[in-house]
Amino acid sequence: MRDHCETSAGLALRRWTPGDVQAVLTAFEDPVMSRQTVEPITSRSAAERWLTDRTDQWASGAAYAFAVVDAADLVLGNVSVGAVNHRHGTGWVSYWTTPAARGRGVASRACRTLARWSFDDLGLFRLELGHRLDNPASCKVALAAGFAAEGIERRKLEYDGARYDVERHARLASDDEPAGTEA
């Protein structure tokens, strides 16, 4: 199973390493990132635990997370497939990018590459993802990565006491490869 994949335009997906502590700390300084993790990542030890969790999940086959990096190995984000169910050939895709990487097509290219890796290396057939309805940028990423919208899950997520509707998207191994549209 490959632990490194090239995307287009000089981006790559690679496994997270213990040397990525500072990159994780920097990424989670962004207030938007508080929704991406249960434990706040505000210390070196929290970032180390986050990285250890990624390694442990990979080893157990529960989830596979990749750092999205540029040609200079600068971390631009994370893309992962979790909730892997080999019996049914399914997984759940999640992603985030650093503020500097947003709006440049990084997330959509990373999701396209992760999908191909999930189909080819893991043998999955169906990948799903979801985004809050009030996050149109994430919807653009999903569509550009070839994930078709399937419907609304009413009040699925709760943040700070408020409930949010989520739009679910899916991509199948049998779907055509998405066009090069970047989001």
C-alpha atoms as a PDB file:
ATOM      1  CA  MET A   1       0.000   0.000   0.000  1.00  0.00           C
ATOM      2  CA  ARG A   2       1.492   3.311  -1.043  1.00  0.00           C
ATOM      3  CA  ASP A   3       2.060   5.909   1.667  1.00  0.00           C
ATOM      4  CA  HIS A   4       2.937   8.708  -0.774  1.00  0.00           C
ATOM      5  CA  CYS A   5       0.967   9.943  -3.812  1.00  0.00           C
ATOM      6  CA  GLU A   6       1.608  12.730  -6.297  1.00  0.00           C
ATOM      7  CA  THR A   7      -1.227  15.058  -7.245  1.00  0.00           C
ATOM      8  CA  SER A   8      -1.244  17.619 -10.005  1.00  0.00           C
ATOM      9  CA  ALA A   9       0.544  20.979  -9.907  1.00  0.00           C
ATOM     10  CA  GLY A  10       3.403  19.950  -7.627  1.00  0.00           C
ATOM     11  CA  LEU A  11       1.363  18.731  -4.675  1.00  0.00           C
ATOM     12  CA  ALA A  12       1.835  15.407  -2.931  1.00  0.00           C
ATOM     13  CA  LEU A  13       0.122  13.356  -0.259  1.00  0.00           C
ATOM     14  CA  ARG A  14       2.421  11.718   2.268  1.00  0.00           C
ATOM     15  CA  ARG A  15       1.956  10.090   5.625  1.00  0.00           C
ATOM     16  CA  TRP A  16       2.206  12.359   8.624  1.00  0.00           C
ATOM     17  CA  THR A  17       5.490  12.059  10.536  1.00  0.00           C
ATOM     18  CA  PRO A  18       6.619  13.019  14.063  1.00  0.00           C
ATOM     19  CA  GLY A  19       8.564  15.852  12.423  1.00  0.00           C
ATOM     20  CA  ASP A  20       5.269  17.555  11.506  1.00  0.00           C
ATOM     21  CA  VAL A  21       4.533  18.780  15.047  1.00  0.00           C
ATOM     22  CA  GLN A  22       5.121  22.455  14.254  1.00  0.00           C
ATOM     23  CA  ALA A  23       3.078  22.248  11.050  1.00  0.00           C
ATOM     24  CA  VAL A  24       0.155  20.775  13.015  1.00  0.00           C
ATOM     25  CA  LEU A  25       0.438  23.456  15.703  1.00  0.00           C
ATOM     26  CA  THR A  26       0.515  26.185  13.071  1.00  0.00           C
ATOM     27  CA  ALA A  27      -2.475  24.754  11.194  1.00  0.00           C
ATOM     28  CA  PHE A  28      -4.591  24.533  14.336  1.00  0.00           C
ATOM     29  CA  GLU A  29      -3.870  28.153  15.301  1.00  0.00           C
ATOM     30  CA  ASP A  30      -6.596  29.040  12.793  1.00  0.00           C
ATOM     31  CA  PRO A  31      -9.889  29.401  14.749  1.00  0.00           C
ATOM     32  CA  VAL A  32     -11.781  27.634  11.932  1.00  0.00           C
ATOM     33  CA  MET A  33      -9.823  24.481  12.745  1.00  0.00           C
ATOM     34  CA  SER A  34     -11.472  24.030  16.157  1.00  0.00           C
ATOM     35  CA  ARG A  35     -14.215  21.982  14.442  1.00  0.00           C
ATOM     36  CA  GLN A  36     -11.663  19.554  12.984  1.00  0.00           C
ATOM     37  CA  THR A  37     -10.670  17.859  16.234  1.00  0.00           C
ATOM     38  CA  VAL A  38     -12.102  16.868  19.594  1.00  0.00           C
ATOM     39  CA  GLU A  39      -9.070  17.952  21.610  1.00  0.00           C
ATOM     40  CA  PRO A  40      -7.844  21.511  21.052  1.00  0.00           C
ATOM     41  CA  ILE A  41      -4.381  21.458  19.473  1.00  0.00           C
ATOM     42  CA  THR A  42      -2.761  24.285  21.416  1.00  0.00           C
ATOM     43  CA  SER A  43       0.420  22.658  22.701  1.00  0.00           C
ATOM     44  CA  ARG A  44       3.302  20.580  21.426  1.00  0.00           C
ATOM     45  CA  SER A  45       2.054  17.549  23.389  1.00  0.00           C
ATOM     46  CA  ALA A  46      -1.450  17.895  21.870  1.00  0.00           C
ATOM     47  CA  ALA A  47       0.055  18.052  18.366  1.00  0.00           C
ATOM     48  CA  GLU A  48       2.174  14.977  19.136  1.00  0.00           C
ATOM     49  CA  ARG A  49      -0.952  13.115  20.299  1.00  0.00           C
ATOM     50  CA  TRP A  50      -2.772  14.147  17.116  1.00  0.00           C
ATOM     51  CA  LEU A  51       0.085  12.757  15.024  1.00  0.00           C
ATOM     52  CA  THR A  52       0.271   9.577  17.112  1.00  0.00           C
ATOM     53  CA  ASP A  53      -3.473   9.071  16.589  1.00  0.00           C
ATOM     54  CA  ARG A  54      -2.969   9.315  12.794  1.00  0.00           C
ATOM     55  CA  THR A  55      -0.215   6.663  12.984  1.00  0.00           C
ATOM     56  CA  ASP A  56      -2.270   4.365  15.239  1.00  0.00           C
ATOM     57  CA  GLN A  57      -5.341   4.635  12.992  1.00  0.00           C
ATOM     58  CA  TRP A  58      -3.234   3.783   9.932  1.00  0.00           C
ATOM     59  CA  ALA A  59      -1.748   0.742  11.714  1.00  0.00           C
ATOM     60  CA  SER A  60      -5.190  -0.525  12.737  1.00  0.00           C
ATOM     61  CA  GLY A  61      -6.731   0.053   9.296  1.00  0.00           C
ATOM     62  CA  ALA A  62      -9.403   2.342  10.757  1.00  0.00           C
ATOM     63  CA  ALA A  63      -8.307   5.490   8.912  1.00  0.00           C
ATOM     64  CA  TYR A  64      -5.591   6.702   6.569  1.00  0.00           C
ATOM     65  CA  ALA A  65      -4.496  10.332   6.870  1.00  0.00           C
ATOM     66  CA  PHE A  66      -2.101  12.149   4.580  1.00  0.00           C
ATOM     67  CA  ALA A  67      -0.367  15.487   4.895  1.00  0.00           C
ATOM     68  CA  VAL A  68      -0.925  17.521   1.735  1.00  0.00           C
ATOM     69  CA  VAL A  69       2.424  19.112   0.898  1.00  0.00           C
ATOM     70  CA  ASP A  70       3.919  21.288  -1.815  1.00  0.00           C
ATOM     71  CA  ALA A  71       7.168  20.650  -3.686  1.00  0.00           C
ATOM     72  CA  ALA A  72       9.145  22.082  -0.741  1.00  0.00           C
ATOM     73  CA  ASP A  73       7.337  19.697   1.692  1.00  0.00           C
ATOM     74  CA  LEU A  74       5.400  22.582   3.267  1.00  0.00           C
ATOM     75  CA  VAL A  75       2.218  21.227   4.863  1.00  0.00           C
ATOM     76  CA  LEU A  76      -0.846  22.770   3.197  1.00  0.00           C
ATOM     77  CA  GLY A  77      -3.496  20.526   4.721  1.00  0.00           C
ATOM     78  CA  ASN A  78      -4.766  17.089   5.586  1.00  0.00           C
ATOM     79  CA  VAL A  79      -6.882  14.602   3.693  1.00  0.00           C
ATOM     80  CA  SER A  80      -8.046  11.284   5.085  1.00  0.00           C
ATOM     81  CA  VAL A  81     -10.338   8.365   4.599  1.00  0.00           C
ATOM     82  CA  GLY A  82     -11.784   7.005   7.821  1.00  0.00           C
ATOM     83  CA  ALA A  83     -14.603   4.778   9.004  1.00  0.00           C
ATOM     84  CA  VAL A  84     -13.160   2.264   6.552  1.00  0.00           C
ATOM     85  CA  ASN A  85     -15.462  -0.722   6.164  1.00  0.00           C
ATOM     86  CA  HIS A  86     -13.846  -3.399   4.031  1.00  0.00           C
ATOM     87  CA  ARG A  87     -16.932  -5.630   4.181  1.00  0.00           C
ATOM     88  CA  HIS A  88     -18.940  -3.033   2.280  1.00  0.00           C
ATOM     89  CA  GLY A  89     -16.025  -1.254   0.596  1.00  0.00           C
ATOM     90  CA  THR A  90     -16.838   2.152   2.056  1.00  0.00           C
ATOM     91  CA  GLY A  91     -15.021   5.034   3.709  1.00  0.00           C
ATOM     92  CA  TRP A  92     -15.571   8.595   4.929  1.00  0.00           C
ATOM     93  CA  VAL A  93     -13.427  11.378   3.469  1.00  0.00           C
ATOM     94  CA  SER A  94     -12.418  14.445   5.431  1.00  0.00           C
ATOM     95  CA  TYR A  95     -10.071  17.286   4.641  1.00  0.00           C
ATOM     96  CA  TRP A  96      -8.797  20.631   5.804  1.00  0.00           C
ATOM     97  CA  THR A  97      -6.341  23.181   4.484  1.00  0.00           C
ATOM     98  CA  THR A  98      -4.250  25.912   6.032  1.00  0.00           C
ATOM     99  CA  PRO A  99      -5.426  29.487   5.464  1.00  0.00           C
ATOM    100  CA  ALA A 100      -2.622  30.082   2.933  1.00  0.00           C
ATOM    101  CA  ALA A 101      -3.748  27.079   0.851  1.00  0.00           C
ATOM    102  CA  ARG A 102      -7.457  27.909   0.692  1.00  0.00           C
ATOM    103  CA  GLY A 103      -8.994  28.913  -2.627  1.00  0.00           C
ATOM    104  CA  ARG A 104      -6.119  27.419  -4.652  1.00  0.00           C
ATOM    105  CA  GLY A 105      -7.605  24.014  -5.513  1.00  0.00           C
ATOM    106  CA  VAL A 106      -5.424  22.217  -2.966  1.00  0.00           C
ATOM    107  CA  ALA A 107      -8.295  20.426  -1.210  1.00  0.00           C
ATOM    108  CA  SER A 108     -10.037  19.286  -4.404  1.00  0.00           C
ATOM    109  CA  ARG A 109      -6.796  17.940  -5.912  1.00  0.00           C
ATOM    110  CA  ALA A 110      -5.971  16.183  -2.649  1.00  0.00           C
ATOM    111  CA  CYS A 111      -9.461  14.646  -2.445  1.00  0.00           C
ATOM    112  CA  ARG A 112      -9.252  13.415  -6.048  1.00  0.00           C
ATOM    113  CA  THR A 113      -5.889  11.792  -5.326  1.00  0.00           C
ATOM    114  CA  LEU A 114      -7.121  10.296  -2.050  1.00  0.00           C
ATOM    115  CA  ALA A 115     -10.177   8.859  -3.806  1.00  0.00           C
ATOM    116  CA  ARG A 116      -8.046   7.175  -6.471  1.00  0.00           C
ATOM    117  CA  TRP A 117      -5.724   5.809  -3.751  1.00  0.00           C
ATOM    118  CA  SER A 118      -8.722   4.538  -1.736  1.00  0.00           C
ATOM    119  CA  PHE A 119     -10.153   2.747  -4.763  1.00  0.00           C
ATOM    120  CA  ASP A 120      -6.837   1.364  -6.038  1.00  0.00           C
ATOM    121  CA  ASP A 121      -4.874   0.644  -2.853  1.00  0.00           C
ATOM    122  CA  LEU A 122      -7.625  -0.061  -0.316  1.00  0.00           C
ATOM    123  CA  GLY A 123     -10.078  -1.640  -2.737  1.00  0.00           C
ATOM    124  CA  LEU A 124     -12.951   0.573  -1.573  1.00  0.00           C
ATOM    125  CA  PHE A 125     -15.954   1.144  -3.814  1.00  0.00           C
ATOM    126  CA  ARG A 126     -17.861   4.045  -2.205  1.00  0.00           C
ATOM    127  CA  LEU A 127     -16.494   7.152  -0.530  1.00  0.00           C
ATOM    128  CA  GLU A 128     -18.694   9.620   1.296  1.00  0.00           C
ATOM    129  CA  LEU A 129     -18.192  13.075   2.740  1.00  0.00           C
ATOM    130  CA  GLY A 130     -20.382  15.761   4.210  1.00  0.00           C
ATOM    131  CA  HIS A 131     -20.271  19.511   4.770  1.00  0.00           C
ATOM    132  CA  ARG A 132     -22.401  22.005   6.610  1.00  0.00           C
ATOM    133  CA  LEU A 133     -24.826  23.809   4.326  1.00  0.00           C
ATOM    134  CA  ASP A 134     -23.345  27.114   5.429  1.00  0.00           C
ATOM    135  CA  ASN A 135     -19.950  26.065   3.992  1.00  0.00           C
ATOM    136  CA  PRO A 136     -20.250  26.592   0.217  1.00  0.00           C
ATOM    137  CA  ALA A 137     -16.454  26.412  -0.230  1.00  0.00           C
ATOM    138  CA  SER A 138     -16.448  22.823   1.033  1.00  0.00           C
ATOM    139  CA  CYS A 139     -19.283  21.986  -1.343  1.00  0.00           C
ATOM    140  CA  LYS A 140     -17.196  23.321  -4.254  1.00  0.00           C
ATOM    141  CA  VAL A 141     -14.283  21.124  -3.131  1.00  0.00           C
ATOM    142  CA  ALA A 142     -16.510  18.043  -3.021  1.00  0.00           C
ATOM    143  CA  LEU A 143     -17.995  18.662  -6.455  1.00  0.00           C
ATOM    144  CA  ALA A 144     -14.603  19.472  -8.022  1.00  0.00           C
ATOM    145  CA  ALA A 145     -13.243  16.225  -6.556  1.00  0.00           C
ATOM    146  CA  GLY A 146     -16.020  14.237  -8.252  1.00  0.00           C
ATOM    147  CA  PHE A 147     -18.281  13.678  -5.228  1.00  0.00           C
ATOM    148  CA  ALA A 148     -21.919  13.927  -6.319  1.00  0.00           C
ATOM    149  CA  ALA A 149     -24.401  15.552  -3.948  1.00  0.00           C
ATOM    150  CA  GLU A 150     -26.841  12.978  -2.586  1.00  0.00           C
ATOM    151  CA  GLY A 151     -29.009  14.795  -0.092  1.00  0.00           C
ATOM    152  CA  ILE A 152     -29.405  16.736   3.111  1.00  0.00           C
ATOM    153  CA  GLU A 153     -29.030  15.271   6.579  1.00  0.00           C
ATOM    154  CA  ARG A 154     -31.094  17.539   8.771  1.00  0.00           C
ATOM    155  CA  ARG A 155     -29.482  18.936  11.916  1.00  0.00           C
ATOM    156  CA  LYS A 156     -26.745  16.311  11.889  1.00  0.00           C
ATOM    157  CA  LEU A 157     -23.945  18.306  13.518  1.00  0.00           C
ATOM    158  CA  GLU A 158     -23.828  20.400  16.669  1.00  0.00           C
ATOM    159  CA  TYR A 159     -21.324  23.170  17.320  1.00  0.00           C
ATOM    160  CA  ASP A 160     -21.536  25.540  20.259  1.00  0.00           C
ATOM    161  CA  GLY A 161     -25.129  24.569  21.004  1.00  0.00           C
ATOM    162  CA  ALA A 162     -26.406  25.108  17.440  1.00  0.00           C
ATOM    163  CA  ARG A 163     -27.448  22.295  15.092  1.00  0.00           C
ATOM    164  CA  TYR A 164     -26.485  22.314  11.408  1.00  0.00           C
ATOM    165  CA  ASP A 165     -27.791  20.574   8.312  1.00  0.00           C
ATOM    166  CA  VAL A 166     -25.204  18.617   6.329  1.00  0.00           C
ATOM    167  CA  GLU A 167     -25.128  17.885   2.626  1.00  0.00           C
ATOM    168  CA  ARG A 168     -23.836  14.393   1.888  1.00  0.00           C
ATOM    169  CA  HIS A 169     -21.739  13.661  -1.205  1.00  0.00           C
ATOM    170  CA  ALA A 170     -20.401  10.372  -2.546  1.00  0.00           C
ATOM    171  CA  ARG A 171     -18.010   9.133  -5.182  1.00  0.00           C
ATOM    172  CA  LEU A 172     -17.962   5.580  -6.517  1.00  0.00           C
ATOM    173  CA  ALA A 173     -15.028   3.658  -7.929  1.00  0.00           C
ATOM    174  CA  SER A 174     -17.118   3.238 -11.099  1.00  0.00           C
ATOM    175  CA  ASP A 175     -17.653   6.999 -11.535  1.00  0.00           C
ATOM    176  CA  ASP A 176     -15.796   8.812 -14.296  1.00  0.00           C
ATOM    177  CA  GLU A 177     -12.718  10.711 -13.189  1.00  0.00           C
ATOM    178  CA  PRO A 178     -13.647  14.328 -12.526  1.00  0.00           C
ATOM    179  CA  ALA A 179     -12.533  16.999 -14.949  1.00  0.00           C
ATOM    180  CA  GLY A 180      -9.638  19.224 -13.903  1.00  0.00           C
ATOM    181  CA  THR A 181     -11.940  21.865 -12.397  1.00  0.00           C
ATOM    182  CA  GLU A 182     -10.318  23.295  -9.297  1.00  0.00           C
ATOM    183  CA  ALA A 183     -12.144  24.589  -6.249  1.00  0.00           C
END
